[in-house]
N, C-alpha and C. Protein backbone atom coordinates (compact mmCIF):
# COMPACT_ATOMS: atom_id res chain seq x y z
N UNK A 1 0.53 11.69 -28.31
CA UNK A 1 -1.28 12.25 -27.87
C UNK A 1 -1.12 12.73 -26.63
N UNK A 2 -1.07 13.82 -26.26
CA UNK A 2 -1.39 14.13 -25.01
C UNK A 2 -2.66 13.05 -24.52
N UNK A 3 -2.21 12.69 -22.99
CA UNK A 3 -2.33 11.74 -21.60
C UNK A 3 -4.25 12.48 -21.65
N UNK A 4 -4.17 13.29 -21.70
CA UNK A 4 -5.84 14.51 -21.34
C UNK A 4 -6.20 13.69 -22.52
N UNK A 5 -5.80 13.39 -23.75
CA UNK A 5 -6.95 12.55 -25.63
C UNK A 5 -7.21 11.35 -25.31
N UNK A 6 -6.52 10.92 -24.25
CA UNK A 6 -6.47 9.16 -24.22
C UNK A 6 -7.49 9.05 -23.39
N UNK A 7 -7.61 9.19 -22.05
CA UNK A 7 -8.36 9.19 -21.11
C UNK A 7 -8.91 10.05 -20.19
N UNK A 8 -10.10 10.37 -20.46
CA UNK A 8 -10.61 10.95 -19.00
C UNK A 8 -11.22 10.01 -18.11
N UNK A 9 -10.55 10.29 -16.93
CA UNK A 9 -10.30 9.66 -16.07
C UNK A 9 -11.01 10.26 -14.92
N UNK A 10 -11.67 9.92 -13.90
CA UNK A 10 -12.54 11.13 -13.34
C UNK A 10 -13.54 11.71 -13.61
N UNK A 11 -14.09 11.47 -14.36
CA UNK A 11 -15.07 11.87 -15.17
C UNK A 11 -16.46 12.15 -13.62
N UNK A 12 -16.58 10.71 -13.35
CA UNK A 12 -17.39 11.11 -12.15
C UNK A 12 -17.25 10.88 -10.76
N UNK A 13 -17.44 10.41 -9.39
CA UNK A 13 -17.66 10.08 -8.64
C UNK A 13 -18.04 10.23 -7.85
N UNK A 14 -18.77 9.01 -7.34
CA UNK A 14 -19.87 8.62 -6.57
C UNK A 14 -19.76 7.55 -4.92
N UNK A 15 -20.13 7.76 -4.12
CA UNK A 15 -19.82 6.88 -3.74
C UNK A 15 -21.35 5.78 -3.56
N UNK A 16 -20.47 4.87 -3.23
CA UNK A 16 -20.74 2.98 -3.60
C UNK A 16 -21.25 2.85 -2.44
N UNK A 17 -22.83 2.36 -1.62
CA UNK A 17 -22.51 1.95 -0.36
C UNK A 17 -21.99 1.01 0.23
N UNK A 18 -21.02 0.66 1.48
CA UNK A 18 -20.75 0.13 2.24
C UNK A 18 -21.57 -1.02 2.62
N UNK A 19 -20.68 -2.69 2.49
CA UNK A 19 -21.41 -3.67 2.46
C UNK A 19 -22.45 -3.78 4.34
N UNK A 20 -21.14 -3.40 4.98
CA UNK A 20 -21.66 -3.20 6.44
C UNK A 20 -21.05 -2.39 6.80
N UNK A 21 -21.57 -1.87 8.13
CA UNK A 21 -21.28 -0.70 9.45
C UNK A 21 -20.07 -0.59 9.54
N UNK A 22 -19.05 0.93 8.68
CA UNK A 22 -17.39 0.83 8.92
C UNK A 22 -17.19 2.18 9.62
N UNK A 23 -16.60 1.89 10.47
CA UNK A 23 -15.85 3.02 10.88
C UNK A 23 -15.00 4.19 9.87
N UNK A 24 -14.85 3.98 8.19
CA UNK A 24 -13.88 3.92 8.32
C UNK A 24 -14.96 4.21 6.11
N UNK A 25 -14.44 5.11 5.40
CA UNK A 25 -14.85 5.34 4.76
C UNK A 25 -13.69 5.49 3.59
N UNK A 26 -13.64 4.57 2.24
CA UNK A 26 -12.59 4.25 1.54
C UNK A 26 -12.91 4.60 0.06
N UNK A 27 -11.50 5.55 -0.39
CA UNK A 27 -12.36 6.92 -1.60
C UNK A 27 -10.87 5.78 -2.59
N UNK A 28 -11.82 6.00 -3.70
CA UNK A 28 -11.16 5.37 -4.87
C UNK A 28 -10.52 5.90 -5.69
N UNK A 29 -9.14 6.28 -5.84
CA UNK A 29 -8.55 7.33 -6.63
C UNK A 29 -7.49 6.47 -8.22
N UNK A 30 -7.46 6.60 -9.56
CA UNK A 30 -7.21 6.58 -10.46
C UNK A 30 -5.57 7.39 -10.27
N UNK A 31 -4.51 6.68 -10.40
CA UNK A 31 -3.30 6.99 -10.54
C UNK A 31 -2.72 7.00 -12.16
N UNK A 32 -3.04 5.98 -13.10
CA UNK A 32 -2.76 6.08 -13.99
C UNK A 32 -3.32 4.74 -14.77
N UNK A 33 -2.82 4.98 -16.00
CA UNK A 33 -4.04 3.79 -16.93
C UNK A 33 -3.17 3.76 -18.46
N UNK A 34 -3.06 1.98 -18.51
CA UNK A 34 -2.74 2.08 -19.62
C UNK A 34 -3.76 0.61 -20.94
N UNK A 35 -3.23 0.61 -21.68
CA UNK A 35 -3.84 -0.22 -23.04
C UNK A 35 -3.20 -1.49 -23.08
N UNK A 36 -3.00 -2.75 -22.73
CA UNK A 36 -1.93 -3.42 -24.02
C UNK A 36 -1.88 -5.04 -24.69
N UNK A 37 -1.48 -5.18 -25.85
CA UNK A 37 -1.86 -6.93 -26.56
C UNK A 37 -2.21 -7.37 -25.23
N UNK A 38 -3.28 -8.82 -25.16
CA UNK A 38 -3.52 -9.87 -24.49
C UNK A 38 -3.00 -11.08 -25.45
N UNK A 39 -1.52 -11.10 -25.70
CA UNK A 39 -1.29 -12.62 -27.30
C UNK A 39 -1.64 -13.43 -26.44
N UNK A 40 -2.69 -14.30 -27.89
CA UNK A 40 -1.75 -16.09 -27.77
C UNK A 40 -1.00 -16.38 -27.67
N UNK A 41 -0.70 -17.41 -26.19
CA UNK A 41 0.84 -17.83 -27.26
C UNK A 41 0.46 -19.73 -27.18
N UNK A 42 1.05 -20.16 -28.34
CA UNK A 42 1.52 -21.67 -29.25
C UNK A 42 2.33 -21.87 -29.63
N UNK A 43 2.27 -23.26 -30.63
CA UNK A 43 3.31 -22.79 -31.13
C UNK A 43 3.08 -23.04 -32.77
N UNK A 44 2.23 -22.87 -33.32
CA UNK A 44 1.46 -21.94 -34.71
C UNK A 44 0.24 -21.18 -34.08
N UNK A 45 1.67 -20.54 -34.42
CA UNK A 45 0.56 -18.31 -34.23
C UNK A 45 -0.86 -18.12 -35.25
N UNK A 46 -0.09 -18.44 -36.32
CA UNK A 46 -0.76 -18.35 -37.26
C UNK A 46 -2.76 -19.07 -37.33
N UNK A 47 -2.94 -20.01 -35.85
CA UNK A 47 -4.32 -20.37 -35.92
C UNK A 47 -4.48 -19.77 -34.34
N UNK A 48 -3.51 -19.01 -33.64
CA UNK A 48 -4.11 -18.79 -32.76
C UNK A 48 -5.36 -17.60 -32.91
N UNK A 49 -6.05 -17.03 -31.87
CA UNK A 49 -7.06 -16.10 -32.35
C UNK A 49 -6.16 -15.22 -31.99
N UNK A 50 -7.34 -13.91 -32.36
CA UNK A 50 -6.81 -12.28 -32.28
C UNK A 50 -6.26 -12.43 -30.87
N UNK A 51 -5.56 -10.88 -30.54
CA UNK A 51 -4.89 -10.54 -29.68
C UNK A 51 -6.25 -9.82 -29.30
N UNK A 52 -6.68 -9.77 -27.56
CA UNK A 52 -7.40 -9.01 -26.99
C UNK A 52 -6.67 -7.40 -26.62
N UNK A 53 -7.16 -6.73 -26.34
CA UNK A 53 -7.28 -5.76 -25.58
C UNK A 53 -7.62 -5.53 -24.19
N UNK A 54 -5.98 -5.68 -22.80
CA UNK A 54 -6.29 -5.65 -21.95
C UNK A 54 -6.47 -3.63 -20.99
N UNK A 55 -7.16 -3.18 -19.86
CA UNK A 55 -6.75 -2.05 -20.21
C UNK A 55 -6.24 -2.16 -17.88
N UNK A 56 -5.02 -1.88 -17.68
CA UNK A 56 -4.47 -1.93 -16.39
C UNK A 56 -4.69 -0.25 -15.65
N UNK A 57 -4.98 -0.16 -14.43
CA UNK A 57 -5.16 1.13 -14.12
C UNK A 57 -4.00 0.51 -12.54
N UNK A 58 -4.12 1.29 -12.60
CA UNK A 58 -2.80 1.91 -11.13
C UNK A 58 -3.96 2.07 -10.33
N UNK A 59 -4.66 1.81 -9.12
CA UNK A 59 -5.19 3.21 -8.53
C UNK A 59 -4.35 3.41 -6.99
N UNK A 60 -5.14 4.09 -6.04
CA UNK A 60 -4.74 3.84 -5.27
C UNK A 60 -6.32 3.98 -3.62
N UNK A 61 -6.01 3.98 -3.01
CA UNK A 61 -7.14 3.81 -2.11
C UNK A 61 -7.16 4.62 -0.94
N UNK A 62 -7.76 5.03 -0.54
CA UNK A 62 -6.82 5.89 1.03
C UNK A 62 -8.59 5.78 2.23
N UNK A 63 -7.96 5.04 2.95
CA UNK A 63 -9.72 4.97 4.61
C UNK A 63 -9.52 6.75 5.33
N UNK A 64 -10.48 7.09 5.15
CA UNK A 64 -10.60 8.24 5.96
C UNK A 64 -11.46 7.15 7.60
N UNK A 65 -11.06 8.19 8.87
CA UNK A 65 -11.47 7.86 9.65
C UNK A 65 -13.23 9.01 10.06
N UNK A 66 -13.86 8.27 10.20
CA UNK A 66 -15.31 9.07 10.40
C UNK A 66 -14.96 8.67 11.86
N UNK A 67 -14.63 8.32 12.70
CA UNK A 67 -14.97 8.31 13.90
C UNK A 67 -14.50 9.35 15.03
N UNK A 68 -14.66 9.74 16.24
CA UNK A 68 -13.65 10.35 17.45
C UNK A 68 -13.22 10.14 17.43
N UNK A 69 -12.34 8.81 17.24
CA UNK A 69 -10.92 8.14 17.61
C UNK A 69 -10.38 7.58 17.27
N UNK A 70 -8.40 7.54 17.45
CA UNK A 70 -7.74 7.05 16.81
C UNK A 70 -8.30 6.16 16.24
N UNK A 71 -8.09 5.22 15.02
CA UNK A 71 -8.85 4.24 14.31
C UNK A 71 -7.37 3.65 13.99
N UNK A 72 -7.49 2.63 14.30
CA UNK A 72 -5.90 1.01 13.93
C UNK A 72 -7.24 0.11 12.64
N UNK A 73 -6.20 0.03 11.70
CA UNK A 73 -6.65 -0.67 10.61
C UNK A 73 -5.30 -1.19 10.48
N UNK A 74 -5.62 -2.44 9.76
CA UNK A 74 -4.26 -3.56 9.59
C UNK A 74 -4.31 -3.31 8.23
N UNK A 75 -3.13 -2.88 7.32
CA UNK A 75 -2.28 -2.56 5.79
C UNK A 75 -2.71 -3.73 4.77
N UNK A 76 -3.10 -4.99 5.02
CA UNK A 76 -2.84 -6.24 4.50
C UNK A 76 -3.92 -6.52 4.58
N UNK A 77 -4.82 -6.93 2.87
CA UNK A 77 -5.95 -7.16 2.50
C UNK A 77 -5.78 -7.91 1.77
N UNK A 78 -7.25 -7.84 1.20
CA UNK A 78 -7.59 -8.45 0.05
C UNK A 78 -8.56 -7.92 -0.77
N UNK A 79 -8.28 -7.77 -2.13
CA UNK A 79 -9.12 -7.28 -3.16
C UNK A 79 -9.83 -7.53 -4.56
N UNK A 80 -11.01 -6.69 -4.13
CA UNK A 80 -11.67 -7.46 -5.46
C UNK A 80 -12.63 -6.55 -5.99
N UNK A 81 -12.71 -6.20 -7.35
CA UNK A 81 -13.13 -5.14 -8.37
C UNK A 81 -14.33 -5.56 -8.81
N UNK A 82 -15.19 -4.59 -9.31
CA UNK A 82 -16.39 -4.19 -8.80
C UNK A 82 -16.59 -3.71 -10.69
N UNK A 83 -17.47 -4.09 -11.19
CA UNK A 83 -17.65 -2.90 -12.69
C UNK A 83 -19.21 -2.44 -12.82
N UNK A 84 -18.56 -1.92 -14.25
CA UNK A 84 -20.05 -1.95 -14.75
C UNK A 84 -20.14 -0.80 -15.28
N UNK A 85 -22.09 -0.54 -16.33
CA UNK A 85 -21.47 0.24 -17.05
C UNK A 85 -22.87 1.69 -16.39
N UNK A 86 -22.25 1.92 -14.62
CA UNK A 86 -23.34 2.64 -14.32
C UNK A 86 -22.51 2.85 -12.64
N UNK A 87 -23.12 3.30 -11.83
CA UNK A 87 -21.96 3.36 -10.29
C UNK A 87 -23.15 2.12 -10.09
N UNK A 88 -24.29 2.16 -10.42
CA UNK A 88 -26.17 1.37 -9.89
C UNK A 88 -26.08 -0.30 -10.74
N UNK A 89 -25.05 -0.34 -11.53
CA UNK A 89 -24.84 -1.10 -12.01
C UNK A 89 -23.37 -2.12 -12.01
N UNK A 90 -23.28 -2.16 -10.30
CA UNK A 90 -21.35 -2.81 -10.77
C UNK A 90 -22.31 -4.78 -10.32
N UNK A 91 -21.09 -4.79 -11.20
CA UNK A 91 -20.78 -6.25 -10.34
C UNK A 91 -19.46 -7.22 -10.76
N UNK A 92 -19.20 -8.52 -9.90
CA UNK A 92 -18.15 -8.52 -9.71
C UNK A 92 -16.89 -8.56 -11.19
N UNK A 93 -15.69 -8.46 -11.14
CA UNK A 93 -14.90 -8.71 -11.78
C UNK A 93 -13.51 -9.71 -12.50
N UNK A 94 -14.25 -10.77 -12.26
CA UNK A 94 -13.69 -12.38 -12.32
C UNK A 94 -12.09 -12.43 -12.92
N UNK A 95 -10.57 -12.49 -11.65
CA UNK A 95 -9.70 -12.62 -12.32
C UNK A 95 -9.14 -11.06 -12.39
N UNK A 96 -9.15 -9.98 -12.76
CA UNK A 96 -8.84 -9.34 -12.55
C UNK A 96 -7.66 -8.13 -12.72
N UNK A 97 -8.05 -8.14 -10.38
CA UNK A 97 -6.76 -7.59 -10.03
C UNK A 97 -5.88 -8.62 -9.01
N UNK A 98 -4.70 -7.96 -9.06
CA UNK A 98 -3.54 -7.67 -8.96
C UNK A 98 -2.74 -7.86 -7.69
N UNK A 99 -4.18 -7.89 -5.86
CA UNK A 99 -3.71 -7.57 -5.17
C UNK A 99 -3.24 -8.07 -3.52
N UNK A 100 -3.89 -9.60 -4.23
CA UNK A 100 -3.60 -10.37 -2.51
C UNK A 100 -2.56 -11.37 -1.92
N UNK A 101 -2.36 -10.41 -1.19
CA UNK A 101 -1.24 -10.99 -0.15
C UNK A 101 -1.23 -11.74 0.66
N UNK A 102 -1.30 -13.11 0.66
CA UNK A 102 -1.85 -13.87 0.92
C UNK A 102 -0.31 -14.08 2.19
N UNK A 103 0.64 -14.22 1.38
CA UNK A 103 1.63 -14.59 2.64
C UNK A 103 1.77 -13.42 4.32
N UNK A 104 1.82 -12.09 3.71
CA UNK A 104 0.87 -11.22 5.34
C UNK A 104 0.02 -11.00 5.76
N UNK A 105 -1.88 -11.70 4.91
CA UNK A 105 -3.23 -12.73 5.70
C UNK A 105 -2.66 -13.16 6.13
N UNK A 106 -1.78 -14.23 5.55
CA UNK A 106 -1.56 -15.68 6.85
C UNK A 106 -1.23 -15.40 7.98
N UNK A 107 -0.24 -14.52 8.40
CA UNK A 107 0.88 -14.20 9.31
C UNK A 107 0.49 -12.42 10.13
N UNK A 108 -1.12 -11.49 9.72
CA UNK A 108 -1.00 -11.05 10.41
C UNK A 108 -1.47 -11.58 11.79
N UNK A 109 -1.78 -12.26 12.23
CA UNK A 109 -2.21 -12.64 13.56
C UNK A 109 -0.71 -12.97 14.24
N UNK A 110 0.73 -12.86 13.44
CA UNK A 110 1.97 -13.42 14.32
C UNK A 110 2.56 -12.07 14.75
N UNK A 111 1.79 -11.28 13.94
CA UNK A 111 2.75 -9.94 13.77
C UNK A 111 3.78 -9.74 15.61
N UNK A 112 5.03 -8.89 15.25
CA UNK A 112 5.22 -8.69 16.35
C UNK A 112 4.64 -7.20 16.50
N UNK A 113 5.82 -6.53 17.94
CA UNK A 113 4.82 -5.48 18.46
C UNK A 113 6.06 -4.33 16.91
N UNK A 114 7.66 -5.49 16.94
CA UNK A 114 8.69 -3.86 16.25
C UNK A 114 7.92 -3.79 14.97
N UNK A 115 7.29 -4.65 14.68
CA UNK A 115 6.88 -4.31 12.69
C UNK A 115 4.99 -3.56 13.05
N UNK A 116 4.42 -3.72 13.93
CA UNK A 116 2.83 -3.03 14.04
C UNK A 116 3.48 -1.79 13.23
N UNK A 117 4.86 -0.86 12.47
CA UNK A 117 4.52 0.60 11.46
C UNK A 117 4.12 -0.58 9.96
N UNK A 118 4.83 -1.16 10.17
CA UNK A 118 4.26 -1.84 8.71
C UNK A 118 3.33 -2.85 8.33
N UNK A 119 2.51 -3.14 9.42
CA UNK A 119 1.28 -3.90 8.90
C UNK A 119 -0.03 -2.97 9.94
N UNK A 120 0.18 -2.79 10.07
CA UNK A 120 -1.16 -1.49 10.53
C UNK A 120 -0.50 0.38 10.28
N UNK A 121 -1.73 0.98 10.29
CA UNK A 121 -1.67 2.25 9.99
C UNK A 121 -3.09 2.65 10.75
N UNK A 122 -1.98 3.60 12.01
CA UNK A 122 -3.31 4.91 12.69
C UNK A 122 -4.17 6.51 12.19
N UNK A 123 -5.09 6.24 12.12
CA UNK A 123 -5.94 7.32 11.46
C UNK A 123 -6.64 7.48 12.36
N UNK A 124 -6.21 9.05 11.91
CA UNK A 124 -6.62 10.39 13.32
C UNK A 124 -8.00 10.39 12.65
N UNK A 125 -9.39 11.45 13.99
CA UNK A 125 -10.34 11.07 13.41
C UNK A 125 -10.56 12.72 12.68
N UNK A 126 -11.36 12.03 11.50
CA UNK A 126 -11.57 12.77 10.65
C UNK A 126 -10.34 13.22 9.66
N UNK A 127 -9.01 12.66 9.62
CA UNK A 127 -7.65 12.47 8.54
C UNK A 127 -8.04 10.80 7.71
N UNK A 128 -7.22 10.52 6.76
CA UNK A 128 -6.97 10.16 5.92
C UNK A 128 -5.76 9.21 5.78
N UNK A 129 -6.01 8.43 5.83
CA UNK A 129 -4.18 7.65 5.90
C UNK A 129 -3.20 7.14 5.32
N UNK A 130 -2.29 7.50 5.99
CA UNK A 130 -1.19 8.33 4.64
C UNK A 130 0.40 6.78 5.41
N UNK A 131 0.94 6.34 3.89
CA UNK A 131 0.34 5.96 2.70
C UNK A 131 -0.65 5.92 2.45
N UNK A 132 -1.39 5.70 1.05
CA UNK A 132 -2.40 5.40 0.28
C UNK A 132 -2.04 3.88 0.71
N UNK A 133 -3.53 2.97 0.06
CA UNK A 133 -3.10 1.76 -0.48
C UNK A 133 -2.89 1.79 -2.27
N UNK A 134 -2.03 1.01 -2.04
CA UNK A 134 -1.54 0.38 -3.93
C UNK A 134 -2.82 -0.65 -4.40
N UNK A 135 -3.64 -0.48 -5.77
CA UNK A 135 -3.73 -1.52 -5.89
C UNK A 135 -3.76 -1.56 -7.56
N UNK A 136 -3.74 -2.93 -7.90
CA UNK A 136 -3.03 -2.89 -10.25
C UNK A 136 -4.60 -3.25 -9.72
N UNK A 137 -5.28 -3.52 -10.76
CA UNK A 137 -6.52 -4.22 -12.06
C UNK A 137 -6.11 -4.08 -13.55
N UNK A 138 -6.17 -5.33 -14.02
CA UNK A 138 -6.41 -5.49 -15.35
C UNK A 138 -7.96 -5.94 -15.71
N UNK A 139 -8.07 -4.85 -16.92
CA UNK A 139 -9.26 -6.01 -17.22
C UNK A 139 -10.12 -5.99 -18.45
N UNK A 140 -9.42 -7.07 -19.35
CA UNK A 140 -10.21 -6.95 -21.08
C UNK A 140 -11.51 -6.02 -21.33
N UNK A 141 -10.67 -5.70 -22.57
CA UNK A 141 -11.88 -4.52 -22.58
C UNK A 141 -12.88 -4.94 -24.02
N UNK A 142 -11.86 -5.43 -24.62
CA UNK A 142 -12.22 -6.12 -26.36
C UNK A 142 -10.82 -7.54 -26.46
N UNK A 143 -12.31 -8.23 -27.01
CA UNK A 143 -11.88 -9.98 -27.45
C UNK A 143 -12.34 -9.93 -28.63
N UNK A 144 -12.05 -10.31 -29.49
CA UNK A 144 -12.34 -10.02 -30.52
C UNK A 144 -12.00 -11.56 -30.94
N UNK A 145 -11.86 -12.31 -30.38
CA UNK A 145 -12.09 -13.48 -30.76
C UNK A 145 -13.55 -14.73 -28.96
N UNK A 146 -13.76 -13.55 -28.75
CA UNK A 146 -15.50 -13.50 -27.62
C UNK A 146 -16.24 -12.90 -28.38
N UNK A 147 -16.96 -12.88 -28.92
CA UNK A 147 -17.85 -12.23 -29.70
C UNK A 147 -18.86 -11.31 -28.68
N UNK A 148 -19.24 -12.75 -27.86
CA UNK A 148 -20.35 -12.25 -26.85
C UNK A 148 -20.12 -11.67 -25.94
N UNK A 149 -18.28 -11.21 -25.48
CA UNK A 149 -18.01 -10.48 -24.64
C UNK A 149 -18.76 -8.78 -25.27
N UNK A 150 -18.44 -7.83 -23.74
CA UNK A 150 -18.29 -6.52 -23.55
C UNK A 150 -17.23 -6.14 -24.44
N UNK A 151 -18.07 -5.31 -25.04
CA UNK A 151 -17.24 -4.52 -25.67
C UNK A 151 -16.97 -3.37 -25.44
N UNK A 152 -15.56 -2.55 -24.28
CA UNK A 152 -15.98 -1.55 -23.35
C UNK A 152 -15.44 -0.20 -24.26
N UNK A 153 -14.96 -0.16 -25.83
CA UNK A 153 -14.66 1.09 -26.38
C UNK A 153 -15.00 1.34 -27.42
N UNK A 154 -14.83 2.94 -26.66
CA UNK A 154 -15.71 3.98 -26.97
C UNK A 154 -16.97 4.24 -25.51
N UNK A 155 -16.59 3.62 -24.23
CA UNK A 155 -17.67 3.06 -23.38
C UNK A 155 -17.20 3.46 -22.51
N UNK A 156 -17.79 4.73 -20.99
CA UNK A 156 -17.42 4.86 -20.31
C UNK A 156 -17.11 3.20 -18.87
N UNK A 157 -16.31 2.82 -18.21
CA UNK A 157 -16.48 1.68 -17.16
C UNK A 157 -16.14 2.08 -16.11
N UNK A 158 -17.18 1.52 -14.81
CA UNK A 158 -17.57 2.82 -13.64
C UNK A 158 -16.55 1.37 -12.60
N UNK A 159 -15.57 0.70 -11.95
CA UNK A 159 -14.89 0.58 -11.13
C UNK A 159 -15.17 0.96 -9.57
N UNK A 160 -15.23 0.05 -8.87
CA UNK A 160 -15.22 0.06 -6.97
C UNK A 160 -14.48 -1.02 -6.35
N UNK A 161 -14.31 -1.39 -5.38
CA UNK A 161 -13.33 -2.09 -5.00
C UNK A 161 -13.60 -2.68 -3.57
N UNK A 162 -13.92 -3.63 -3.57
CA UNK A 162 -13.75 -4.17 -2.39
C UNK A 162 -13.13 -4.69 -1.66
N UNK A 163 -11.90 -4.07 -0.01
CA UNK A 163 -11.24 -4.41 0.59
C UNK A 163 -11.82 -5.31 1.58
N UNK A 164 -10.90 -6.44 2.17
CA UNK A 164 -11.26 -7.02 2.94
C UNK A 164 -9.91 -7.47 4.61
N UNK A 165 -9.81 -6.58 5.49
CA UNK A 165 -8.78 -7.53 6.37
C UNK A 165 -9.38 -8.20 6.71
N UNK A 166 -8.45 -9.61 7.69
CA UNK A 166 -8.31 -10.98 8.25
C UNK A 166 -8.72 -10.54 9.94
N UNK A 167 -9.67 -11.15 9.64
CA UNK A 167 -9.16 -10.82 12.45
C UNK A 167 -7.54 -11.59 12.27
N UNK A 168 -7.41 -10.41 12.85
CA UNK A 168 -5.95 -10.87 13.52
C UNK A 168 -6.84 -11.77 15.16
N UNK A 169 -5.75 -12.35 15.72
CA UNK A 169 -5.83 -13.05 17.30
C UNK A 169 -5.98 -11.92 18.43
N UNK A 170 -6.50 -12.63 19.50
CA UNK A 170 -6.39 -11.98 20.52
C UNK A 170 -5.32 -10.96 21.34
N UNK A 171 -4.51 -11.40 20.82
CA UNK A 171 -3.10 -10.78 20.59
C UNK A 171 -2.64 -9.74 20.85
N UNK A 172 -2.66 -9.80 19.06
CA UNK A 172 -2.45 -8.65 18.09
C UNK A 172 -3.07 -7.87 18.49
N UNK A 173 -5.12 -8.05 18.95
CA UNK A 173 -5.75 -6.85 18.92
C UNK A 173 -5.18 -5.81 19.95
N UNK A 174 -5.31 -6.78 20.98
CA UNK A 174 -4.41 -6.67 22.46
C UNK A 174 -3.90 -4.90 22.02
N UNK A 175 -2.85 -5.24 21.34
CA UNK A 175 -1.32 -4.36 20.81
C UNK A 175 -2.16 -4.10 19.99
N UNK A 176 -2.75 -3.63 19.34
CA UNK A 176 -2.81 -2.67 18.28
C UNK A 176 -3.77 -1.71 19.30
N UNK A 177 -4.80 -2.41 20.16
CA UNK A 177 -5.90 -1.54 20.59
C UNK A 177 -5.32 -0.55 21.47
N UNK A 178 -3.87 -0.40 21.29
CA UNK A 178 -3.63 0.69 22.68
C UNK A 178 -2.99 1.41 21.59
N UNK A 179 -3.10 1.20 20.96
CA UNK A 179 -3.13 2.92 19.52
C UNK A 179 -4.52 3.47 19.08
N UNK A 180 -5.22 3.03 19.54
CA UNK A 180 -7.13 3.22 18.88
C UNK A 180 -7.48 2.27 18.50
N UNK A 181 -8.55 3.10 18.82
CA UNK A 181 -10.29 1.71 18.64
C UNK A 181 -9.69 0.86 17.30
N UNK A 182 -9.03 -0.79 17.14
CA UNK A 182 -9.51 -1.51 16.25
C UNK A 182 -10.27 -1.82 15.22
N UNK A 183 -10.09 -2.11 14.77
CA UNK A 183 -10.88 -2.45 13.38
C UNK A 183 -9.73 -3.38 11.91
N UNK A 184 -11.26 -4.70 11.52
CA UNK A 184 -10.79 -5.11 10.41
C UNK A 184 -12.26 -5.56 9.46
N UNK A 185 -12.09 -5.79 8.77
CA UNK A 185 -13.65 -5.88 7.91
C UNK A 185 -14.01 -5.74 6.81
N UNK A 186 -14.60 -5.88 5.94
CA UNK A 186 -15.06 -5.75 5.54
C UNK A 186 -15.44 -3.81 4.27
N UNK A 187 -15.30 -3.37 3.47
CA UNK A 187 -15.14 -2.09 3.33
C UNK A 187 -15.76 -2.20 1.31
N UNK A 188 -16.42 -0.91 1.15
CA UNK A 188 -16.85 -0.83 -0.31
C UNK A 188 -15.86 0.44 -0.72
N UNK A 189 -15.40 0.64 -1.58
CA UNK A 189 -14.56 1.80 -2.23
C UNK A 189 -16.28 3.18 -3.38
N UNK A 190 -15.27 3.56 -3.15
CA UNK A 190 -15.90 4.94 -4.25
C UNK A 190 -15.79 3.89 -5.41
N UNK A 191 -16.99 4.85 -6.21
CA UNK A 191 -16.63 4.78 -8.04
C UNK A 191 -15.84 5.29 -7.95
N UNK A 192 -14.64 4.99 -10.03
CA UNK A 192 -14.70 6.58 -10.27
C UNK A 192 -14.55 5.24 -11.64
N UNK A 193 -14.30 7.11 -12.36
CA UNK A 193 -15.40 6.31 -14.28
C UNK A 193 -14.00 6.63 -14.70
N UNK A 194 -14.25 6.16 -15.92
CA UNK A 194 -12.99 5.83 -16.49
C UNK A 194 -13.59 5.45 -18.22
N UNK A 195 -13.24 6.22 -18.72
CA UNK A 195 -13.14 6.68 -20.48
C UNK A 195 -13.07 5.78 -20.85
N UNK A 196 -13.56 4.79 -22.10
CA UNK A 196 -12.13 3.98 -22.86
C UNK A 196 -12.18 4.36 -24.09
N UNK A 197 -11.32 4.16 -24.61
CA UNK A 197 -11.69 5.18 -26.22
C UNK A 197 -11.96 4.66 -27.74
N UNK A 198 -12.10 5.21 -28.13
CA UNK A 198 -12.37 4.39 -29.40
C UNK A 198 -11.58 3.48 -30.04
N UNK A 199 -10.54 4.16 -30.01
CA UNK A 199 -9.42 3.75 -30.83
C UNK A 199 -8.43 3.60 -29.59
N UNK A 200 -7.64 2.45 -28.25
CA UNK A 200 -7.25 2.85 -27.48
C UNK A 200 -5.93 3.19 -27.40
N UNK A 201 -4.98 4.44 -27.40
CA UNK A 201 -3.34 3.40 -27.62
C UNK A 201 -3.16 2.36 -26.71
N UNK A 202 -2.17 1.35 -27.67
CA UNK A 202 -1.70 0.51 -26.84
C UNK A 202 -0.18 0.76 -26.64
N UNK A 203 0.04 0.26 -25.73
CA UNK A 203 2.08 -0.01 -25.46
C UNK A 203 3.09 -0.94 -25.67
N UNK A 204 2.33 -1.97 -26.21
CA UNK A 204 2.62 -3.12 -26.77
C UNK A 204 2.24 -4.28 -25.64
N UNK A 205 2.99 -5.53 -26.07
CA UNK A 205 2.32 -7.00 -24.95
C UNK A 205 1.99 -7.04 -24.11
N UNK A 206 0.51 -6.87 -22.78
CA UNK A 206 0.85 -7.67 -21.86
C UNK A 206 1.98 -8.13 -21.52
N UNK A 207 2.15 -8.15 -20.11
CA UNK A 207 3.49 -9.05 -19.66
C UNK A 207 2.91 -9.38 -18.28
């Protein structure tokens, strides 16, 4: 079945308000999507509940520098997913995102000068970052064992990410500021719409 018949991605893109003033605009894009069976594990398969259907989203986030000076932003970050039935009704989804770079966040303040290009990106005025940030989101769209849960089959799903960079040490800030205006903080991406089919094509068991 052609991909276009399975998904209707990016039907609409709307800007979600940034949580607090930031010199960047964060654009969210869907690079790929698939479904898998989230099967319970146990010694007595006949007693296990039915498998749930999970959606896996392969996402890209691009920061755009809306200021007048080169902008320096850490590439190491935390992300949280917000989902909902409309762009104006988004809520924080629990345990659906797998992008927390714990080691990177802890070592950001100890970045050496020769590691600058790995840890930071410099965005020219009016330009977008390159390469973009890669994100992965997993979300249960149907769970027959949880009747009270939301059944997303046949419905649009709106997704936005909240991106957070930890503050850096004064030494790192001083070093990064030689390349442009240094910024860390929190920003919300644009919102994308993903259409969930009535009968999703399952690629196999989730791993």
